[in-house]
PDB file of N, CA and C in Angstrom:
ATOM      1  N   UNK A   1     215.165 -83.760  -5.815  1.00  0.00           N
ATOM      2  CA  UNK A   1     214.929 -85.084  -5.318  1.00  0.00           C
ATOM      3  C   UNK A   1     216.104 -85.553  -4.465  1.00  0.00           C
ATOM      4  N   UNK A   2     217.309 -85.253  -4.927  1.00  0.00           N
ATOM      5  CA  UNK A   2     218.489 -85.676  -4.178  1.00  0.00           C
ATOM      6  C   UNK A   2     218.519 -85.011  -2.803  1.00  0.00           C
ATOM      7  N   UNK A   3     218.171 -83.722  -2.745  1.00  0.00           N
ATOM      8  CA  UNK A   3     218.151 -83.013  -1.459  1.00  0.00           C
ATOM      9  C   UNK A   3     217.100 -83.600  -0.525  1.00  0.00           C
ATOM     10  N   UNK A   4     215.950 -83.955  -1.056  1.00  0.00           N
ATOM     11  CA  UNK A   4     214.915 -84.589  -0.242  1.00  0.00           C
ATOM     12  C   UNK A   4     215.391 -85.954   0.239  1.00  0.00           C
ATOM     13  N   UNK A   5     215.957 -86.718  -0.678  1.00  0.00           N
ATOM     14  CA  UNK A   5     216.403 -88.062  -0.343  1.00  0.00           C
ATOM     15  C   UNK A   5     217.501 -88.062   0.708  1.00  0.00           C
ATOM     16  N   UNK A   6     218.347 -87.036   0.690  1.00  0.00           N
ATOM     17  CA  UNK A   6     219.442 -86.979   1.658  1.00  0.00           C
ATOM     18  C   UNK A   6     219.027 -86.302   2.962  1.00  0.00           C
ATOM     19  N   UNK A   7     217.774 -85.856   3.061  1.00  0.00           N
ATOM     20  CA  UNK A   7     217.276 -85.266   4.291  1.00  0.00           C
ATOM     21  C   UNK A   7     217.474 -83.771   4.405  1.00  0.00           C
ATOM     22  N   UNK A   8     217.951 -83.118   3.349  1.00  0.00           N
ATOM     23  CA  UNK A   8     218.163 -81.672   3.382  1.00  0.00           C
ATOM     24  C   UNK A   8     216.855 -80.899   3.270  1.00  0.00           C
ATOM     25  N   UNK A   9     215.844 -81.500   2.657  1.00  0.00           N
ATOM     26  CA  UNK A   9     214.529 -80.876   2.489  1.00  0.00           C
ATOM     27  C   UNK A   9     213.459 -81.830   3.002  1.00  0.00           C
ATOM     28  N   UNK A  10     212.400 -81.258   3.553  1.00  0.00           N
ATOM     29  CA  UNK A  10     211.249 -82.111   3.856  1.00  0.00           C
ATOM     30  C   UNK A  10     210.317 -82.089   2.642  1.00  0.00           C
ATOM     31  N   UNK A  11     209.325 -82.950   2.644  1.00  0.00           N
ATOM     32  CA  UNK A  11     208.435 -83.084   1.483  1.00  0.00           C
ATOM     33  C   UNK A  11     207.695 -81.789   1.186  1.00  0.00           C
ATOM     34  N   UNK A  12     207.236 -81.094   2.224  1.00  0.00           N
ATOM     35  CA  UNK A  12     206.480 -79.856   2.008  1.00  0.00           C
ATOM     36  C   UNK A  12     207.330 -78.802   1.323  1.00  0.00           C
ATOM     37  N   UNK A  13     208.579 -78.634   1.756  1.00  0.00           N
ATOM     38  CA  UNK A  13     209.459 -77.636   1.140  1.00  0.00           C
ATOM     39  C   UNK A  13     209.832 -78.039  -0.279  1.00  0.00           C
ATOM     40  N   UNK A  14     210.096 -79.318  -0.494  1.00  0.00           N
ATOM     41  CA  UNK A  14     210.417 -79.790  -1.845  1.00  0.00           C
ATOM     42  C   UNK A  14     209.248 -79.542  -2.793  1.00  0.00           C
ATOM     43  N   UNK A  15     208.037 -79.838  -2.338  1.00  0.00           N
ATOM     44  CA  UNK A  15     206.846 -79.607  -3.165  1.00  0.00           C
ATOM     45  C   UNK A  15     206.684 -78.121  -3.461  1.00  0.00           C
ATOM     46  N   UNK A  16     206.914 -77.298  -2.455  1.00  0.00           N
ATOM     47  CA  UNK A  16     206.791 -75.847  -2.644  1.00  0.00           C
ATOM     48  C   UNK A  16     207.815 -75.351  -3.664  1.00  0.00           C
ATOM     49  N   UNK A  17     209.068 -75.779  -3.528  1.00  0.00           N
ATOM     50  CA  UNK A  17     210.104 -75.330  -4.454  1.00  0.00           C
ATOM     51  C   UNK A  17     209.848 -75.803  -5.882  1.00  0.00           C
ATOM     52  N   UNK A  18     209.284 -76.985  -6.025  1.00  0.00           N
ATOM     53  CA  UNK A  18     209.000 -77.511  -7.357  1.00  0.00           C
ATOM     54  C   UNK A  18     207.668 -77.029  -7.913  1.00  0.00           C
ATOM     55  N   UNK A  19     206.817 -76.500  -7.045  1.00  0.00           N
ATOM     56  CA  UNK A  19     205.520 -76.028  -7.494  1.00  0.00           C
ATOM     57  C   UNK A  19     204.572 -77.153  -7.857  1.00  0.00           C
ATOM     58  N   UNK A  20     204.679 -78.266  -7.141  1.00  0.00           N
ATOM     59  CA  UNK A  20     203.826 -79.419  -7.413  1.00  0.00           C
ATOM     60  C   UNK A  20     203.218 -79.907  -6.106  1.00  0.00           C
ATOM     61  N   UNK A  21     202.177 -80.701  -6.225  1.00  0.00           N
ATOM     62  CA  UNK A  21     201.528 -81.280  -5.058  1.00  0.00           C
ATOM     63  C   UNK A  21     202.287 -82.492  -4.545  1.00  0.00           C
ATOM     64  N   UNK A  22     201.912 -82.918  -3.349  1.00  0.00           N
ATOM     65  CA  UNK A  22     202.603 -84.029  -2.700  1.00  0.00           C
ATOM     66  C   UNK A  22     202.465 -85.326  -3.495  1.00  0.00           C
ATOM     67  N   UNK A  23     201.287 -85.572  -4.058  1.00  0.00           N
ATOM     68  CA  UNK A  23     201.094 -86.806  -4.839  1.00  0.00           C
ATOM     69  C   UNK A  23     202.018 -86.830  -6.047  1.00  0.00           C
ATOM     70  N   UNK A  24     202.089 -85.702  -6.766  1.00  0.00           N
ATOM     71  CA  UNK A  24     202.957 -85.622  -7.946  1.00  0.00           C
ATOM     72  C   UNK A  24     204.421 -85.746  -7.546  1.00  0.00           C
ATOM     73  N   UNK A  25     204.774 -85.144  -6.421  1.00  0.00           N
ATOM     74  CA  UNK A  25     206.152 -85.224  -5.940  1.00  0.00           C
ATOM     75  C   UNK A  25     206.560 -86.685  -5.730  1.00  0.00           C
ATOM     76  N   UNK A  26     205.706 -87.432  -5.062  1.00  0.00           N
ATOM     77  CA  UNK A  26     206.051 -88.827  -4.803  1.00  0.00           C
ATOM     78  C   UNK A  26     206.010 -89.687  -6.062  1.00  0.00           C
ATOM     79  N   UNK A  27     205.174 -89.329  -7.036  1.00  0.00           N
ATOM     80  CA  UNK A  27     205.200 -90.027  -8.325  1.00  0.00           C
ATOM     81  C   UNK A  27     206.549 -89.813  -8.999  1.00  0.00           C
ATOM     82  N   UNK A  28     206.986 -88.546  -9.020  1.00  0.00           N
ATOM     83  CA  UNK A  28     208.274 -88.232  -9.639  1.00  0.00           C
ATOM     84  C   UNK A  28     209.429 -88.872  -8.883  1.00  0.00           C
ATOM     85  N   UNK A  29     209.337 -88.881  -7.555  1.00  0.00           N
ATOM     86  CA  UNK A  29     210.400 -89.478  -6.747  1.00  0.00           C
ATOM     87  C   UNK A  29     210.532 -90.967  -7.049  1.00  0.00           C
ATOM     88  N   UNK A  30     209.406 -91.647  -7.207  1.00  0.00           N
ATOM     89  CA  UNK A  30     209.449 -93.076  -7.534  1.00  0.00           C
ATOM     90  C   UNK A  30     210.170 -93.297  -8.853  1.00  0.00           C
ATOM     91  N   UNK A  31     209.849 -92.474  -9.856  1.00  0.00           N
ATOM     92  CA  UNK A  31     210.518 -92.584 -11.154  1.00  0.00           C
ATOM     93  C   UNK A  31     212.006 -92.261 -11.031  1.00  0.00           C
ATOM     94  N   UNK A  32     212.326 -91.237 -10.239  1.00  0.00           N
ATOM     95  CA  UNK A  32     213.711 -90.822 -10.037  1.00  0.00           C
ATOM     96  C   UNK A  32     214.517 -91.926  -9.349  1.00  0.00           C
ATOM     97  N   UNK A  33     213.929 -92.564  -8.340  1.00  0.00           N
ATOM     98  CA  UNK A  33     214.630 -93.622  -7.615  1.00  0.00           C
ATOM     99  C   UNK A  33     214.955 -94.815  -8.517  1.00  0.00           C
ATOM    100  N   UNK A  34     214.118 -95.052  -9.510  1.00  0.00           N
ATOM    101  CA  UNK A  34     214.346 -96.176 -10.419  1.00  0.00           C
ATOM    102  C   UNK A  34     215.549 -95.952 -11.317  1.00  0.00           C
ATOM    103  N   UNK A  35     215.812 -94.701 -11.670  1.00  0.00           N
ATOM    104  CA  UNK A  35     216.916 -94.423 -12.597  1.00  0.00           C
ATOM    105  C   UNK A  35     217.409 -92.996 -12.389  1.00  0.00           C
ATOM    106  N   UNK A  36     218.145 -92.768 -11.326  1.00  0.00           N
ATOM    107  CA  UNK A  36     218.573 -91.429 -10.959  1.00  0.00           C
ATOM    108  C   UNK A  36     219.511 -90.787 -11.978  1.00  0.00           C
ATOM    109  N   UNK A  37     220.375 -91.565 -12.585  1.00  0.00           N
ATOM    110  CA  UNK A  37     221.387 -90.984 -13.469  1.00  0.00           C
ATOM    111  C   UNK A  37     220.817 -90.452 -14.781  1.00  0.00           C
ATOM    112  N   UNK A  38     219.739 -91.026 -15.246  1.00  0.00           N
ATOM    113  CA  UNK A  38     219.200 -90.559 -16.531  1.00  0.00           C
ATOM    114  C   UNK A  38     217.754 -90.091 -16.422  1.00  0.00           C
ATOM    115  N   UNK A  39     217.319 -89.766 -15.208  1.00  0.00           N
ATOM    116  CA  UNK A  39     215.937 -89.316 -15.007  1.00  0.00           C
ATOM    117  C   UNK A  39     215.700 -87.992 -15.715  1.00  0.00           C
ATOM    118  N   UNK A  40     214.643 -87.925 -16.494  1.00  0.00           N
ATOM    119  CA  UNK A  40     214.263 -86.707 -17.197  1.00  0.00           C
ATOM    120  C   UNK A  40     212.761 -86.520 -17.046  1.00  0.00           C
ATOM    121  N   UNK A  41     212.350 -85.614 -16.147  1.00  0.00           N
ATOM    122  CA  UNK A  41     210.910 -85.407 -16.002  1.00  0.00           C
ATOM    123  C   UNK A  41     210.337 -84.765 -17.247  1.00  0.00           C
ATOM    124  N   UNK A  42     209.136 -85.136 -17.588  1.00  0.00           N
ATOM    125  CA  UNK A  42     208.456 -84.522 -18.713  1.00  0.00           C
ATOM    126  C   UNK A  42     207.570 -83.386 -18.230  1.00  0.00           C
ATOM    127  N   UNK A  43     206.888 -82.788 -19.140  1.00  0.00           N
ATOM    128  CA  UNK A  43     205.961 -81.718 -18.787  1.00  0.00           C
ATOM    129  C   UNK A  43     204.788 -82.295 -18.017  1.00  0.00           C
ATOM    130  N   UNK A  44     204.351 -81.603 -16.988  1.00  0.00           N
ATOM    131  CA  UNK A  44     203.186 -82.048 -16.236  1.00  0.00           C
ATOM    132  C   UNK A  44     201.935 -81.799 -17.066  1.00  0.00           C
ATOM    133  N   UNK A  45     200.872 -82.465 -16.727  1.00  0.00           N
ATOM    134  CA  UNK A  45     199.613 -82.220 -17.416  1.00  0.00           C
ATOM    135  C   UNK A  45     199.172 -83.346 -18.307  1.00  0.00           C
ATOM    136  N   UNK A  46     199.793 -84.504 -18.171  1.00  0.00           N
ATOM    137  CA  UNK A  46     199.377 -85.642 -18.978  1.00  0.00           C
ATOM    138  C   UNK A  46     199.653 -85.425 -20.450  1.00  0.00           C
ATOM    139  N   UNK A  47     198.695 -85.723 -21.282  1.00  0.00           N
ATOM    140  CA  UNK A  47     198.878 -85.629 -22.727  1.00  0.00           C
ATOM    141  C   UNK A  47     198.453 -84.276 -23.296  1.00  0.00           C
ATOM    142  N   UNK A  48     198.321 -83.279 -22.436  1.00  0.00           N
ATOM    143  CA  UNK A  48     197.881 -81.970 -22.902  1.00  0.00           C
ATOM    144  C   UNK A  48     199.005 -81.160 -23.538  1.00  0.00           C
ATOM    145  N   UNK A  49     200.223 -81.543 -23.266  1.00  0.00           N
ATOM    146  CA  UNK A  49     201.372 -80.792 -23.764  1.00  0.00           C
ATOM    147  C   UNK A  49     202.228 -81.680 -24.641  1.00  0.00           C
ATOM    148  N   UNK A  50     202.901 -81.072 -25.589  1.00  0.00           N
ATOM    149  CA  UNK A  50     203.824 -81.828 -26.431  1.00  0.00           C
ATOM    150  C   UNK A  50     205.113 -82.071 -25.652  1.00  0.00           C
ATOM    151  N   UNK A  51     205.877 -83.103 -26.014  1.00  0.00           N
ATOM    152  CA  UNK A  51     207.148 -83.362 -25.321  1.00  0.00           C
ATOM    153  C   UNK A  51     208.114 -82.184 -25.489  1.00  0.00           C
ATOM    154  N   UNK A  52     208.988 -82.017 -24.505  1.00  0.00           N
ATOM    155  CA  UNK A  52     209.979 -80.952 -24.589  1.00  0.00           C
ATOM    156  C   UNK A  52     210.958 -81.247 -25.715  1.00  0.00           C
ATOM    157  N   UNK A  53     211.358 -80.209 -26.403  1.00  0.00           N
ATOM    158  CA  UNK A  53     212.312 -80.333 -27.502  1.00  0.00           C
ATOM    159  C   UNK A  53     213.720 -80.533 -26.930  1.00  0.00           C
ATOM    160  N   UNK A  54     214.655 -81.009 -27.750  1.00  0.00           N
ATOM    161  CA  UNK A  54     216.021 -81.217 -27.251  1.00  0.00           C
ATOM    162  C   UNK A  54     216.671 -79.948 -26.699  1.00  0.00           C
ATOM    163  N   UNK A  55     216.389 -78.786 -27.308  1.00  0.00           N
ATOM    164  CA  UNK A  55     217.008 -77.561 -26.790  1.00  0.00           C
ATOM    165  C   UNK A  55     216.450 -77.185 -25.417  1.00  0.00           C
ATOM    166  N   UNK A  56     215.173 -77.465 -25.175  1.00  0.00           N
ATOM    167  CA  UNK A  56     214.589 -77.191 -23.869  1.00  0.00           C
ATOM    168  C   UNK A  56     215.167 -78.155 -22.828  1.00  0.00           C
ATOM    169  N   UNK A  57     215.286 -79.434 -23.170  1.00  0.00           N
ATOM    170  CA  UNK A  57     215.867 -80.396 -22.233  1.00  0.00           C
ATOM    171  C   UNK A  57     217.323 -80.039 -21.921  1.00  0.00           C
ATOM    172  N   UNK A  58     218.073 -79.611 -22.944  1.00  0.00           N
ATOM    173  CA  UNK A  58     219.471 -79.224 -22.729  1.00  0.00           C
ATOM    174  C   UNK A  58     219.567 -78.007 -21.806  1.00  0.00           C
ATOM    175  N   UNK A  59     218.684 -77.036 -22.016  1.00  0.00           N
ATOM    176  CA  UNK A  59     218.666 -75.858 -21.143  1.00  0.00           C
ATOM    177  C   UNK A  59     218.405 -76.257 -19.696  1.00  0.00           C
ATOM    178  N   UNK A  60     217.388 -77.082 -19.475  1.00  0.00           N
ATOM    179  CA  UNK A  60     217.044 -77.489 -18.114  1.00  0.00           C
ATOM    180  C   UNK A  60     218.184 -78.253 -17.448  1.00  0.00           C
ATOM    181  N   UNK A  61     218.829 -79.150 -18.194  1.00  0.00           N
ATOM    182  CA  UNK A  61     219.943 -79.915 -17.635  1.00  0.00           C
ATOM    183  C   UNK A  61     221.111 -79.019 -17.249  1.00  0.00           C
ATOM    184  N   UNK A  62     221.358 -77.997 -18.038  1.00  0.00           N
ATOM    185  CA  UNK A  62     222.508 -77.135 -17.762  1.00  0.00           C
ATOM    186  C   UNK A  62     222.195 -76.057 -16.739  1.00  0.00           C
ATOM    187  N   UNK A  63     220.970 -75.563 -16.715  1.00  0.00           N
ATOM    188  CA  UNK A  63     220.657 -74.403 -15.883  1.00  0.00           C
ATOM    189  C   UNK A  63     220.177 -74.751 -14.483  1.00  0.00           C
ATOM    190  N   UNK A  64     219.298 -75.735 -14.355  1.00  0.00           N
ATOM    191  CA  UNK A  64     218.704 -76.017 -13.049  1.00  0.00           C
ATOM    192  C   UNK A  64     219.715 -76.355 -11.959  1.00  0.00           C
ATOM    193  N   UNK A  65     220.781 -77.106 -12.236  1.00  0.00           N
ATOM    194  CA  UNK A  65     221.730 -77.398 -11.148  1.00  0.00           C
ATOM    195  C   UNK A  65     222.496 -76.171 -10.643  1.00  0.00           C
ATOM    196  N   UNK A  66     222.483 -75.073 -11.383  1.00  0.00           N
ATOM    197  CA  UNK A  66     223.261 -73.891 -11.013  1.00  0.00           C
ATOM    198  C   UNK A  66     222.625 -73.137  -9.857  1.00  0.00           C
ATOM    199  N   UNK A  67     221.318 -72.955  -9.879  1.00  0.00           N
ATOM    200  CA  UNK A  67     220.648 -72.108  -8.902  1.00  0.00           C
ATOM    201  C   UNK A  67     220.382 -72.801  -7.577  1.00  0.00           C
ATOM    202  N   UNK A  68     220.767 -72.152  -6.494  1.00  0.00           N
ATOM    203  CA  UNK A  68     220.468 -72.654  -5.144  1.00  0.00           C
ATOM    204  C   UNK A  68     219.986 -71.497  -4.304  1.00  0.00           C
ATOM    205  N   UNK A  69     218.719 -71.333  -4.059  1.00  0.00           N
ATOM    206  CA  UNK A  69     217.625 -72.154  -4.571  1.00  0.00           C
ATOM    207  C   UNK A  69     217.360 -71.833  -6.037  1.00  0.00           C
ATOM    208  N   UNK A  70     216.732 -72.750  -6.744  1.00  0.00           N
ATOM    209  CA  UNK A  70     216.453 -72.523  -8.167  1.00  0.00           C
ATOM    210  C   UNK A  70     215.537 -71.319  -8.380  1.00  0.00           C
ATOM    211  N   UNK A  71     215.793 -70.585  -9.446  1.00  0.00           N
ATOM    212  CA  UNK A  71     214.962 -69.439  -9.813  1.00  0.00           C
ATOM    213  C   UNK A  71     213.963 -69.925 -10.861  1.00  0.00           C
ATOM    214  N   UNK A  72     212.826 -70.423 -10.391  1.00  0.00           N
ATOM    215  CA  UNK A  72     211.859 -71.019 -11.305  1.00  0.00           C
ATOM    216  C   UNK A  72     211.172 -69.989 -12.196  1.00  0.00           C
ATOM    217  N   UNK A  73     211.093 -68.741 -11.765  1.00  0.00           N
ATOM    218  CA  UNK A  73     210.514 -67.715 -12.636  1.00  0.00           C
ATOM    219  C   UNK A  73     211.408 -67.493 -13.849  1.00  0.00           C
ATOM    220  N   UNK A  74     212.712 -67.448 -13.638  1.00  0.00           N
ATOM    221  CA  UNK A  74     213.650 -67.313 -14.749  1.00  0.00           C
ATOM    222  C   UNK A  74     213.564 -68.524 -15.669  1.00  0.00           C
ATOM    223  N   UNK A  75     213.482 -69.706 -15.095  1.00  0.00           N
ATOM    224  CA  UNK A  75     213.344 -70.930 -15.893  1.00  0.00           C
ATOM    225  C   UNK A  75     212.063 -70.883 -16.702  1.00  0.00           C
ATOM    226  N   UNK A  76     210.976 -70.475 -16.075  1.00  0.00           N
ATOM    227  CA  UNK A  76     209.687 -70.378 -16.767  1.00  0.00           C
ATOM    228  C   UNK A  76     209.760 -69.406 -17.944  1.00  0.00           C
ATOM    229  N   UNK A  77     210.359 -68.249 -17.714  1.00  0.00           N
ATOM    230  CA  UNK A  77     210.496 -67.268 -18.790  1.00  0.00           C
ATOM    231  C   UNK A  77     211.331 -67.811 -19.940  1.00  0.00           C
ATOM    232  N   UNK A  78     212.416 -68.497 -19.606  1.00  0.00           N
ATOM    233  CA  UNK A  78     213.283 -69.049 -20.638  1.00  0.00           C
ATOM    234  C   UNK A  78     212.588 -70.177 -21.396  1.00  0.00           C
ATOM    235  N   UNK A  79     211.823 -71.015 -20.685  1.00  0.00           N
ATOM    236  CA  UNK A  79     211.070 -72.076 -21.362  1.00  0.00           C
ATOM    237  C   UNK A  79     210.037 -71.495 -22.312  1.00  0.00           C
ATOM    238  N   UNK A  80     209.392 -70.421 -21.903  1.00  0.00           N
ATOM    239  CA  UNK A  80     208.430 -69.764 -22.779  1.00  0.00           C
ATOM    240  C   UNK A  80     209.139 -69.227 -24.019  1.00  0.00           C
ATOM    241  N   UNK A  81     210.302 -68.618 -23.826  1.00  0.00           N
ATOM    242  CA  UNK A  81     211.055 -68.085 -24.958  1.00  0.00           C
ATOM    243  C   UNK A  81     211.486 -69.207 -25.907  1.00  0.00           C
ATOM    244  N   UNK A  82     211.956 -70.328 -25.348  1.00  0.00           N
ATOM    245  CA  UNK A  82     212.420 -71.433 -26.183  1.00  0.00           C
ATOM    246  C   UNK A  82     211.277 -72.140 -26.903  1.00  0.00           C
ATOM    247  N   UNK A  83     210.133 -72.234 -26.253  1.00  0.00           N
ATOM    248  CA  UNK A  83     209.019 -72.966 -26.862  1.00  0.00           C
ATOM    249  C   UNK A  83     208.171 -72.095 -27.787  1.00  0.00           C
ATOM    250  N   UNK A  84     208.250 -70.784 -27.616  1.00  0.00           N
ATOM    251  CA  UNK A  84     207.479 -69.849 -28.447  1.00  0.00           C
ATOM    252  C   UNK A  84     208.438 -68.817 -29.027  1.00  0.00           C
ATOM    253  N   UNK A  85     209.102 -69.123 -30.133  1.00  0.00           N
ATOM    254  CA  UNK A  85     210.109 -68.215 -30.680  1.00  0.00           C
ATOM    255  C   UNK A  85     209.572 -66.820 -30.999  1.00  0.00           C
ATOM    256  N   UNK A  86     208.274 -66.721 -31.243  1.00  0.00           N
ATOM    257  CA  UNK A  86     207.686 -65.423 -31.551  1.00  0.00           C
ATOM    258  C   UNK A  86     207.443 -64.605 -30.290  1.00  0.00           C
ATOM    259  N   UNK A  87     207.542 -65.243 -29.115  1.00  0.00           N
ATOM    260  CA  UNK A  87     207.282 -64.552 -27.858  1.00  0.00           C
ATOM    261  C   UNK A  87     208.475 -63.673 -27.508  1.00  0.00           C
ATOM    262  N   UNK A  88     208.207 -62.428 -27.280  1.00  0.00           N
ATOM    263  CA  UNK A  88     209.244 -61.503 -26.860  1.00  0.00           C
ATOM    264  C   UNK A  88     208.806 -60.897 -25.532  1.00  0.00           C
ATOM    265  N   UNK A  89     209.571 -61.108 -24.462  1.00  0.00           N
ATOM    266  CA  UNK A  89     209.172 -60.551 -23.167  1.00  0.00           C
ATOM    267  C   UNK A  89     209.055 -59.041 -23.222  1.00  0.00           C
ATOM    268  N   UNK A  90     208.063 -58.517 -22.540  1.00  0.00           N
ATOM    269  CA  UNK A  90     207.870 -57.067 -22.464  1.00  0.00           C
ATOM    270  C   UNK A  90     208.961 -56.509 -21.577  1.00  0.00           C
ATOM    271  N   UNK A  91     209.593 -55.463 -22.024  1.00  0.00           N
ATOM    272  CA  UNK A  91     210.667 -54.846 -21.230  1.00  0.00           C
ATOM    273  C   UNK A  91     210.237 -53.482 -20.759  1.00  0.00           C
TER     274      UNK A  91
END
């Protein structure tokens, strides 16, 4: 959001990198603009998913700022591992 807001990304590229549609992007941006310092996006999908656990939120806060560009496949794999302790990636 910060990169989009500062003009480093256009909306199409930001949506592509986040894997969301333009409508969702602008919904999130509105929420982000209201409180940038403590903004915490939840899981997409409305009420179909349970809220993220504290360990998942901590992982996202620490890991996402590191990658430029972000490696969302790695994030996805790690989220699956954190949310499903019985899940073991095939090697």
